[in-house]
Amino acid sequence: MELEYVILVNENDQEIGKMEKQEAHEKGLLHRAFSVFVFNNKHQLLLQQRALTKYHSAGLWTNTCCSHPRVGETIEKAAHRRLQEEMGFDCDLSIRTNFIYKAEFDNGLTEHELDYILVGNYEGKIDINLDEVASYKWVDIDWLKADMKQNPADYTAWFTIISEKFWELL
């Protein structure tokens, strides 16, 4: 298996190097990432349940797609690539904002990311990659907000932060 690298950045999103993904998460170093939110024409959000084999947050519900750009790859290109790889489709996406968060996990790993939020619209076939995604569902925003309050442990850390701080941008 080929090693995956993340782009290390400072708080101003200036590249300061690269590091193998696992090592960056072990050391909790700030790196570039993205979170994709895809809505349908009913303004329902497409959620994915992370595969049970993921190295952290396995089985938790989250936004449509999320990952890290490769060295030399733009956020937009990476988002389109991973949307296709994880969910089996692509659509127009626009960057809405970015933010920095840090979340520590029980397995000793830390997500410390400068995370770009991208939003798109899609009506069509979904063909999930079972190595990445256990399941998916379209949900109404009001239902989602209520469920996240009742069952916060069912959702990923970054999705919870985005939901609390950035709904107006979605």
N, C-alpha and C. Protein backbone atom coordinates (compact mmCIF):
# COMPACT_ATOMS: atom_id res chain seq x y z
N MET A 1 0.84 -1.19 0.00
CA MET A 1 0.00 0.00 0.00
C MET A 1 0.88 1.25 0.00
N GLU A 2 0.57 2.17 -0.88
CA GLU A 2 1.34 3.41 -1.00
C GLU A 2 1.03 4.33 0.17
N LEU A 3 2.07 4.97 0.71
CA LEU A 3 1.89 5.91 1.80
C LEU A 3 1.14 7.14 1.32
N GLU A 4 0.27 7.65 2.17
CA GLU A 4 -0.45 8.88 1.87
C GLU A 4 0.19 10.01 2.67
N TYR A 5 0.32 11.17 2.04
CA TYR A 5 0.90 12.33 2.69
C TYR A 5 -0.14 13.43 2.82
N VAL A 6 0.01 14.24 3.87
CA VAL A 6 -0.81 15.43 4.03
C VAL A 6 0.10 16.65 3.90
N ILE A 7 -0.52 17.78 3.60
CA ILE A 7 0.21 19.03 3.44
C ILE A 7 0.17 19.77 4.77
N LEU A 8 1.33 19.93 5.38
CA LEU A 8 1.43 20.69 6.63
C LEU A 8 1.34 22.17 6.30
N VAL A 9 0.58 22.91 7.10
CA VAL A 9 0.39 24.34 6.89
C VAL A 9 0.50 25.08 8.22
N ASN A 10 0.69 26.41 8.12
CA ASN A 10 0.58 27.23 9.32
C ASN A 10 -0.85 27.76 9.40
N GLU A 11 -1.12 28.58 10.39
CA GLU A 11 -2.49 29.07 10.59
C GLU A 11 -2.98 29.99 9.48
N ASN A 12 -2.07 30.45 8.60
CA ASN A 12 -2.44 31.27 7.46
C ASN A 12 -2.53 30.46 6.18
N ASP A 13 -2.54 29.13 6.31
CA ASP A 13 -2.62 28.19 5.20
C ASP A 13 -1.43 28.28 4.27
N GLN A 14 -0.28 28.65 4.79
CA GLN A 14 0.95 28.63 4.01
C GLN A 14 1.60 27.26 4.20
N GLU A 15 1.95 26.62 3.10
CA GLU A 15 2.55 25.29 3.17
C GLU A 15 3.91 25.35 3.85
N ILE A 16 4.13 24.43 4.79
CA ILE A 16 5.41 24.37 5.49
C ILE A 16 6.06 23.00 5.35
N GLY A 17 5.42 22.11 4.62
CA GLY A 17 6.00 20.79 4.40
C GLY A 17 4.94 19.75 4.12
N LYS A 18 5.39 18.51 4.12
CA LYS A 18 4.47 17.38 3.97
C LYS A 18 4.88 16.32 4.98
N MET A 19 3.95 15.44 5.30
CA MET A 19 4.22 14.37 6.25
C MET A 19 3.29 13.21 5.95
N GLU A 20 3.76 12.02 6.21
CA GLU A 20 2.91 10.84 6.06
C GLU A 20 1.68 11.04 6.94
N LYS A 21 0.51 10.69 6.42
CA LYS A 21 -0.77 10.99 7.07
C LYS A 21 -0.84 10.45 8.50
N GLN A 22 -0.48 9.20 8.68
CA GLN A 22 -0.56 8.59 10.02
C GLN A 22 0.32 9.34 11.01
N GLU A 23 1.54 9.67 10.60
CA GLU A 23 2.46 10.39 11.48
C GLU A 23 1.92 11.77 11.85
N ALA A 24 1.36 12.47 10.88
CA ALA A 24 0.78 13.80 11.15
C ALA A 24 -0.34 13.71 12.17
N HIS A 25 -1.14 12.64 12.09
CA HIS A 25 -2.24 12.46 13.04
C HIS A 25 -1.73 12.00 14.41
N GLU A 26 -0.64 11.26 14.43
CA GLU A 26 -0.03 10.87 15.71
C GLU A 26 0.55 12.08 16.43
N LYS A 27 1.15 13.00 15.66
CA LYS A 27 1.79 14.18 16.24
C LYS A 27 0.83 15.36 16.39
N GLY A 28 -0.35 15.27 15.80
CA GLY A 28 -1.34 16.35 15.90
C GLY A 28 -0.92 17.62 15.19
N LEU A 29 -0.22 17.49 14.07
CA LEU A 29 0.26 18.67 13.34
C LEU A 29 -0.81 19.22 12.40
N LEU A 30 -0.83 20.54 12.29
CA LEU A 30 -1.83 21.21 11.45
C LEU A 30 -1.59 20.88 9.98
N HIS A 31 -2.65 20.44 9.31
CA HIS A 31 -2.56 20.10 7.90
C HIS A 31 -3.86 20.47 7.19
N ARG A 32 -3.78 20.54 5.87
CA ARG A 32 -4.89 20.98 5.04
C ARG A 32 -5.88 19.82 4.83
N ALA A 33 -7.17 20.15 4.85
CA ALA A 33 -8.23 19.15 4.66
C ALA A 33 -9.44 19.84 4.03
N PHE A 34 -10.46 19.03 3.73
CA PHE A 34 -11.70 19.59 3.19
C PHE A 34 -12.88 18.73 3.62
N SER A 35 -14.04 19.38 3.67
CA SER A 35 -15.32 18.73 3.99
C SER A 35 -16.34 19.16 2.95
N VAL A 36 -16.93 18.17 2.28
CA VAL A 36 -17.90 18.43 1.21
C VAL A 36 -19.32 18.20 1.74
N PHE A 37 -20.21 19.12 1.41
CA PHE A 37 -21.63 19.04 1.76
C PHE A 37 -22.43 19.08 0.47
N VAL A 38 -23.13 17.99 0.16
CA VAL A 38 -23.94 17.93 -1.06
C VAL A 38 -25.41 17.89 -0.66
N PHE A 39 -26.18 18.76 -1.29
CA PHE A 39 -27.62 18.85 -1.05
C PHE A 39 -28.36 18.43 -2.32
N ASN A 40 -29.61 17.98 -2.14
CA ASN A 40 -30.46 17.72 -3.30
C ASN A 40 -31.41 18.90 -3.49
N ASN A 41 -32.31 18.79 -4.43
CA ASN A 41 -33.23 19.90 -4.73
C ASN A 41 -34.26 20.15 -3.63
N LYS A 42 -34.40 19.20 -2.69
CA LYS A 42 -35.29 19.40 -1.53
C LYS A 42 -34.52 20.03 -0.36
N HIS A 43 -33.28 20.41 -0.60
CA HIS A 43 -32.34 20.94 0.40
C HIS A 43 -32.10 19.93 1.53
N GLN A 44 -32.10 18.66 1.17
CA GLN A 44 -31.69 17.61 2.10
C GLN A 44 -30.18 17.41 1.93
N LEU A 45 -29.52 17.12 3.03
CA LEU A 45 -28.09 16.90 3.02
C LEU A 45 -27.79 15.41 2.89
N LEU A 46 -26.82 15.09 2.06
CA LEU A 46 -26.37 13.71 1.90
C LEU A 46 -25.31 13.42 2.95
N LEU A 47 -25.64 12.53 3.88
CA LEU A 47 -24.71 12.09 4.91
C LEU A 47 -24.08 10.77 4.52
N GLN A 48 -22.85 10.56 4.98
CA GLN A 48 -22.24 9.25 4.85
C GLN A 48 -21.93 8.72 6.25
N GLN A 49 -22.04 7.41 6.38
CA GLN A 49 -21.56 6.74 7.58
C GLN A 49 -20.18 6.19 7.25
N ARG A 50 -19.19 6.62 8.02
CA ARG A 50 -17.82 6.18 7.74
C ARG A 50 -17.70 4.67 7.89
N ALA A 51 -16.88 4.08 7.05
CA ALA A 51 -16.67 2.63 7.09
C ALA A 51 -16.20 2.21 8.47
N LEU A 52 -16.54 1.00 8.84
CA LEU A 52 -16.17 0.48 10.15
C LEU A 52 -14.68 0.21 10.27
N THR A 53 -13.97 0.24 9.15
CA THR A 53 -12.52 -0.02 9.14
C THR A 53 -11.69 1.26 9.17
N LYS A 54 -12.32 2.44 9.25
CA LYS A 54 -11.58 3.70 9.27
C LYS A 54 -10.69 3.78 10.51
N TYR A 55 -9.57 4.48 10.39
CA TYR A 55 -8.60 4.54 11.48
C TYR A 55 -9.05 5.41 12.66
N HIS A 56 -10.03 6.25 12.45
CA HIS A 56 -10.71 6.93 13.56
C HIS A 56 -12.13 7.29 13.10
N SER A 57 -12.99 7.52 14.05
CA SER A 57 -14.39 7.89 13.79
C SER A 57 -15.11 6.84 12.94
N ALA A 58 -14.70 5.60 13.04
CA ALA A 58 -15.32 4.51 12.29
C ALA A 58 -16.79 4.38 12.66
N GLY A 59 -17.64 4.22 11.65
CA GLY A 59 -19.06 4.01 11.87
C GLY A 59 -19.85 5.26 12.21
N LEU A 60 -19.19 6.41 12.34
CA LEU A 60 -19.91 7.64 12.68
C LEU A 60 -20.47 8.29 11.42
N TRP A 61 -21.54 9.04 11.61
CA TRP A 61 -22.16 9.79 10.51
C TRP A 61 -21.44 11.11 10.36
N THR A 62 -21.35 11.56 9.12
CA THR A 62 -20.64 12.80 8.82
C THR A 62 -21.17 13.40 7.53
N ASN A 63 -20.57 14.51 7.13
CA ASN A 63 -20.95 15.17 5.89
C ASN A 63 -20.66 14.25 4.70
N THR A 64 -21.04 14.68 3.53
CA THR A 64 -21.02 13.84 2.33
C THR A 64 -19.67 13.21 2.05
N CYS A 65 -18.61 13.96 2.24
CA CYS A 65 -17.27 13.48 1.90
C CYS A 65 -16.26 14.36 2.59
N CYS A 66 -15.13 13.79 3.01
CA CYS A 66 -14.06 14.59 3.59
C CYS A 66 -12.73 13.87 3.41
N SER A 67 -11.66 14.66 3.30
CA SER A 67 -10.35 14.05 3.11
C SER A 67 -9.29 15.13 3.13
N HIS A 68 -8.13 14.79 2.54
CA HIS A 68 -6.99 15.69 2.46
C HIS A 68 -6.55 15.81 1.00
N PRO A 69 -6.16 17.01 0.58
CA PRO A 69 -5.58 17.11 -0.77
C PRO A 69 -4.19 16.49 -0.79
N ARG A 70 -3.79 16.02 -1.94
CA ARG A 70 -2.44 15.51 -2.14
C ARG A 70 -1.49 16.67 -2.40
N VAL A 71 -0.22 16.44 -2.22
CA VAL A 71 0.78 17.45 -2.51
C VAL A 71 0.63 17.86 -3.98
N GLY A 72 0.53 19.17 -4.22
CA GLY A 72 0.38 19.71 -5.57
C GLY A 72 -1.04 19.71 -6.10
N GLU A 73 -2.00 19.29 -5.30
CA GLU A 73 -3.41 19.20 -5.72
C GLU A 73 -4.20 20.32 -5.06
N THR A 74 -5.04 21.01 -5.82
CA THR A 74 -5.88 22.05 -5.23
C THR A 74 -6.99 21.43 -4.38
N ILE A 75 -7.55 22.24 -3.52
CA ILE A 75 -8.69 21.79 -2.70
C ILE A 75 -9.82 21.32 -3.61
N GLU A 76 -10.14 22.11 -4.63
CA GLU A 76 -11.25 21.77 -5.52
C GLU A 76 -11.02 20.44 -6.23
N LYS A 77 -9.83 20.26 -6.78
CA LYS A 77 -9.54 19.01 -7.49
C LYS A 77 -9.60 17.82 -6.53
N ALA A 78 -9.05 17.99 -5.34
CA ALA A 78 -9.09 16.91 -4.34
C ALA A 78 -10.51 16.58 -3.94
N ALA A 79 -11.34 17.60 -3.76
CA ALA A 79 -12.73 17.36 -3.37
C ALA A 79 -13.49 16.59 -4.44
N HIS A 80 -13.28 16.94 -5.70
CA HIS A 80 -13.93 16.21 -6.79
C HIS A 80 -13.42 14.76 -6.84
N ARG A 81 -12.12 14.58 -6.68
CA ARG A 81 -11.54 13.24 -6.71
C ARG A 81 -12.13 12.36 -5.61
N ARG A 82 -12.15 12.88 -4.38
CA ARG A 82 -12.62 12.07 -3.26
C ARG A 82 -14.14 11.86 -3.30
N LEU A 83 -14.89 12.83 -3.78
CA LEU A 83 -16.33 12.64 -3.93
C LEU A 83 -16.61 11.48 -4.86
N GLN A 84 -15.88 11.42 -5.95
CA GLN A 84 -16.02 10.30 -6.89
C GLN A 84 -15.56 8.98 -6.25
N GLU A 85 -14.41 9.02 -5.56
CA GLU A 85 -13.87 7.80 -4.96
C GLU A 85 -14.74 7.26 -3.83
N GLU A 86 -15.31 8.14 -3.01
CA GLU A 86 -16.09 7.70 -1.86
C GLU A 86 -17.56 7.44 -2.19
N MET A 87 -18.17 8.37 -2.94
CA MET A 87 -19.61 8.33 -3.14
C MET A 87 -20.04 7.94 -4.56
N GLY A 88 -19.09 7.85 -5.48
CA GLY A 88 -19.38 7.37 -6.83
C GLY A 88 -20.05 8.38 -7.74
N PHE A 89 -19.94 9.68 -7.42
CA PHE A 89 -20.48 10.71 -8.31
C PHE A 89 -19.65 11.97 -8.14
N ASP A 90 -19.90 12.94 -9.00
CA ASP A 90 -19.27 14.24 -8.90
C ASP A 90 -20.32 15.30 -9.22
N CYS A 91 -20.08 16.51 -8.77
CA CYS A 91 -20.99 17.62 -9.04
C CYS A 91 -20.21 18.92 -8.88
N ASP A 92 -20.81 20.02 -9.32
CA ASP A 92 -20.19 21.33 -9.11
C ASP A 92 -20.07 21.59 -7.61
N LEU A 93 -18.94 22.16 -7.21
CA LEU A 93 -18.69 22.48 -5.81
C LEU A 93 -18.16 23.90 -5.70
N SER A 94 -18.50 24.57 -4.61
CA SER A 94 -17.94 25.89 -4.36
C SER A 94 -17.44 25.95 -2.91
N ILE A 95 -16.27 26.58 -2.74
CA ILE A 95 -15.72 26.76 -1.40
C ILE A 95 -16.48 27.87 -0.70
N ARG A 96 -16.91 27.61 0.53
CA ARG A 96 -17.65 28.60 1.31
C ARG A 96 -16.78 29.29 2.36
N THR A 97 -15.90 28.54 3.01
CA THR A 97 -15.04 29.10 4.04
C THR A 97 -14.02 28.05 4.44
N ASN A 98 -13.17 28.39 5.39
CA ASN A 98 -12.30 27.41 6.02
C ASN A 98 -12.16 27.76 7.50
N PHE A 99 -11.73 26.80 8.28
CA PHE A 99 -11.57 27.00 9.71
C PHE A 99 -10.55 26.00 10.23
N ILE A 100 -10.03 26.26 11.41
CA ILE A 100 -9.07 25.35 12.04
C ILE A 100 -9.74 24.68 13.23
N TYR A 101 -9.56 23.39 13.35
CA TYR A 101 -10.06 22.68 14.52
C TYR A 101 -9.03 21.63 14.93
N LYS A 102 -9.18 21.19 16.18
CA LYS A 102 -8.32 20.14 16.72
C LYS A 102 -9.20 19.21 17.53
N ALA A 103 -9.11 17.92 17.24
CA ALA A 103 -9.91 16.92 17.95
C ALA A 103 -9.02 15.72 18.26
N GLU A 104 -8.99 15.32 19.52
CA GLU A 104 -8.22 14.16 19.95
C GLU A 104 -9.14 12.95 20.04
N PHE A 105 -8.62 11.78 19.66
CA PHE A 105 -9.41 10.56 19.63
C PHE A 105 -8.87 9.54 20.64
N ASP A 106 -9.73 8.61 21.01
CA ASP A 106 -9.38 7.60 22.01
C ASP A 106 -8.18 6.75 21.60
N ASN A 107 -7.92 6.62 20.31
CA ASN A 107 -6.83 5.77 19.85
C ASN A 107 -5.48 6.50 19.82
N GLY A 108 -5.43 7.72 20.39
CA GLY A 108 -4.18 8.46 20.45
C GLY A 108 -3.93 9.37 19.26
N LEU A 109 -4.77 9.31 18.25
CA LEU A 109 -4.61 10.17 17.08
C LEU A 109 -5.29 11.52 17.31
N THR A 110 -4.81 12.53 16.60
CA THR A 110 -5.37 13.87 16.70
C THR A 110 -5.59 14.43 15.30
N GLU A 111 -6.79 14.91 15.04
CA GLU A 111 -7.07 15.67 13.83
C GLU A 111 -6.82 17.14 14.17
N HIS A 112 -5.88 17.75 13.49
CA HIS A 112 -5.61 19.17 13.63
C HIS A 112 -5.57 19.70 12.21
N GLU A 113 -6.69 20.27 11.78
CA GLU A 113 -6.87 20.56 10.37
C GLU A 113 -7.28 21.99 10.10
N LEU A 114 -6.78 22.49 8.99
CA LEU A 114 -7.32 23.69 8.38
C LEU A 114 -8.27 23.14 7.31
N ASP A 115 -9.55 23.16 7.64
CA ASP A 115 -10.58 22.44 6.88
C ASP A 115 -11.38 23.41 6.01
N TYR A 116 -11.38 23.16 4.70
CA TYR A 116 -12.17 23.92 3.75
C TYR A 116 -13.55 23.29 3.62
N ILE A 117 -14.60 24.12 3.65
CA ILE A 117 -15.97 23.65 3.47
C ILE A 117 -16.39 23.94 2.03
N LEU A 118 -16.80 22.88 1.33
CA LEU A 118 -17.30 23.00 -0.04
C LEU A 118 -18.74 22.52 -0.08
N VAL A 119 -19.55 23.18 -0.92
CA VAL A 119 -20.97 22.86 -1.02
C VAL A 119 -21.34 22.62 -2.48
N GLY A 120 -22.20 21.62 -2.70
CA GLY A 120 -22.68 21.32 -4.03
C GLY A 120 -24.11 20.84 -4.00
N ASN A 121 -24.65 20.62 -5.20
CA ASN A 121 -26.02 20.12 -5.37
C ASN A 121 -25.96 18.93 -6.31
N TYR A 122 -26.76 17.89 -6.00
CA TYR A 122 -26.73 16.68 -6.84
C TYR A 122 -28.07 15.97 -6.77
N GLU A 123 -28.49 15.50 -7.92
CA GLU A 123 -29.66 14.63 -8.07
C GLU A 123 -29.22 13.48 -8.96
N GLY A 124 -29.11 12.32 -8.44
CA GLY A 124 -28.68 11.21 -9.29
C GLY A 124 -28.25 10.00 -8.50
N LYS A 125 -27.60 9.09 -9.21
CA LYS A 125 -27.20 7.81 -8.65
C LYS A 125 -26.01 7.98 -7.71
N ILE A 126 -26.03 7.22 -6.62
CA ILE A 126 -24.94 7.18 -5.66
C ILE A 126 -24.42 5.76 -5.64
N ASP A 127 -23.11 5.61 -5.71
CA ASP A 127 -22.48 4.29 -5.76
C ASP A 127 -21.30 4.30 -4.78
N ILE A 128 -21.60 4.03 -3.49
CA ILE A 128 -20.58 4.17 -2.46
C ILE A 128 -19.46 3.13 -2.58
N ASN A 129 -18.29 3.54 -2.15
CA ASN A 129 -17.12 2.67 -2.04
C ASN A 129 -17.14 2.08 -0.63
N LEU A 130 -17.40 0.80 -0.51
CA LEU A 130 -17.56 0.17 0.79
C LEU A 130 -16.27 0.14 1.61
N ASP A 131 -15.14 0.40 0.99
CA ASP A 131 -13.89 0.53 1.75
C ASP A 131 -13.85 1.85 2.51
N GLU A 132 -14.64 2.82 2.07
CA GLU A 132 -14.65 4.15 2.67
C GLU A 132 -15.95 4.47 3.42
N VAL A 133 -17.06 3.95 2.92
CA VAL A 133 -18.38 4.35 3.38
C VAL A 133 -19.22 3.11 3.71
N ALA A 134 -19.80 3.09 4.91
CA ALA A 134 -20.66 1.96 5.30
C ALA A 134 -22.08 2.13 4.77
N SER A 135 -22.57 3.38 4.77
CA SER A 135 -23.94 3.65 4.35
C SER A 135 -24.07 5.14 4.04
N TYR A 136 -25.25 5.52 3.55
CA TYR A 136 -25.52 6.94 3.29
C TYR A 136 -27.02 7.16 3.41
N LYS A 137 -27.39 8.44 3.57
CA LYS A 137 -28.81 8.80 3.60
C LYS A 137 -28.95 10.30 3.36
N TRP A 138 -30.08 10.67 2.75
CA TRP A 138 -30.46 12.06 2.59
C TRP A 138 -31.30 12.43 3.81
N VAL A 139 -31.00 13.58 4.44
CA VAL A 139 -31.73 13.97 5.63
C VAL A 139 -32.18 15.43 5.55
N ASP A 140 -33.33 15.69 6.16
CA ASP A 140 -33.79 17.07 6.31
C ASP A 140 -32.96 17.75 7.39
N ILE A 141 -32.66 19.01 7.20
CA ILE A 141 -31.80 19.75 8.12
C ILE A 141 -32.40 19.83 9.52
N ASP A 142 -33.70 20.08 9.63
CA ASP A 142 -34.32 20.16 10.96
C ASP A 142 -34.20 18.83 11.70
N TRP A 143 -34.42 17.72 11.00
CA TRP A 143 -34.25 16.40 11.62
C TRP A 143 -32.81 16.22 12.07
N LEU A 144 -31.87 16.59 11.20
CA LEU A 144 -30.45 16.42 11.51
C LEU A 144 -30.05 17.21 12.74
N LYS A 145 -30.44 18.47 12.82
CA LYS A 145 -30.10 19.29 13.98
C LYS A 145 -30.63 18.67 15.26
N ALA A 146 -31.86 18.17 15.22
CA ALA A 146 -32.44 17.54 16.41
C ALA A 146 -31.71 16.25 16.76
N ASP A 147 -31.39 15.45 15.76
CA ASP A 147 -30.69 14.19 16.03
C ASP A 147 -29.28 14.43 16.56
N MET A 148 -28.62 15.44 16.07
CA MET A 148 -27.27 15.74 16.55
C MET A 148 -27.29 16.18 18.01
N LYS A 149 -28.37 16.84 18.43
CA LYS A 149 -28.50 17.21 19.85
C LYS A 149 -28.80 15.99 20.70
N GLN A 150 -29.66 15.09 20.20
CA GLN A 150 -30.04 13.90 20.97
C GLN A 150 -28.96 12.82 20.96
N ASN A 151 -28.20 12.72 19.87
CA ASN A 151 -27.23 11.63 19.70
C ASN A 151 -25.88 12.16 19.24
N PRO A 152 -25.25 13.04 19.99
CA PRO A 152 -24.01 13.66 19.52
C PRO A 152 -22.88 12.66 19.28
N ALA A 153 -22.87 11.56 19.98
CA ALA A 153 -21.80 10.56 19.82
C ALA A 153 -21.89 9.81 18.50
N ASP A 154 -22.99 10.00 17.75
CA ASP A 154 -23.16 9.32 16.45
C ASP A 154 -22.50 10.08 15.30
N TYR A 155 -21.93 11.27 15.57
CA TYR A 155 -21.42 12.14 14.52
C TYR A 155 -19.94 12.47 14.73
N THR A 156 -19.25 12.73 13.63
CA THR A 156 -17.82 13.05 13.70
C THR A 156 -17.58 14.42 14.32
N ALA A 157 -16.38 14.60 14.85
CA ALA A 157 -16.01 15.86 15.51
C ALA A 157 -16.10 17.05 14.56
N TRP A 158 -15.53 16.93 13.37
CA TRP A 158 -15.51 18.06 12.43
C TRP A 158 -16.92 18.40 11.95
N PHE A 159 -17.74 17.39 11.74
CA PHE A 159 -19.11 17.64 11.29
C PHE A 159 -19.89 18.37 12.36
N THR A 160 -19.67 18.00 13.60
CA THR A 160 -20.34 18.68 14.72
C THR A 160 -19.92 20.14 14.79
N ILE A 161 -18.63 20.40 14.65
CA ILE A 161 -18.14 21.79 14.68
C ILE A 161 -18.73 22.60 13.54
N ILE A 162 -18.70 22.05 12.34
CA ILE A 162 -19.26 22.75 11.18
C ILE A 162 -20.75 23.02 11.38
N SER A 163 -21.46 22.02 11.89
CA SER A 163 -22.90 22.16 12.11
C SER A 163 -23.22 23.25 13.13
N GLU A 164 -22.38 23.39 14.12
CA GLU A 164 -22.61 24.39 15.16
C GLU A 164 -22.24 25.81 14.69
N LYS A 165 -21.23 25.93 13.83
CA LYS A 165 -20.70 27.25 13.52
C LYS A 165 -21.00 27.77 12.12
N PHE A 166 -21.32 26.89 11.16
CA PHE A 166 -21.34 27.33 9.76
C PHE A 166 -22.61 27.00 8.99
N TRP A 167 -23.72 26.65 9.66
CA TRP A 167 -24.94 26.29 8.93
C TRP A 167 -25.36 27.38 7.95
N GLU A 168 -25.19 28.64 8.36
CA GLU A 168 -25.65 29.74 7.50
C GLU A 168 -24.90 29.82 6.18
N LEU A 169 -23.73 29.17 6.09
CA LEU A 169 -22.95 29.18 4.86
C LEU A 169 -23.26 28.02 3.94
N LEU A 170 -24.04 27.07 4.44
CA LEU A 170 -24.32 25.86 3.65
C LEU A 170 -25.52 26.04 2.75
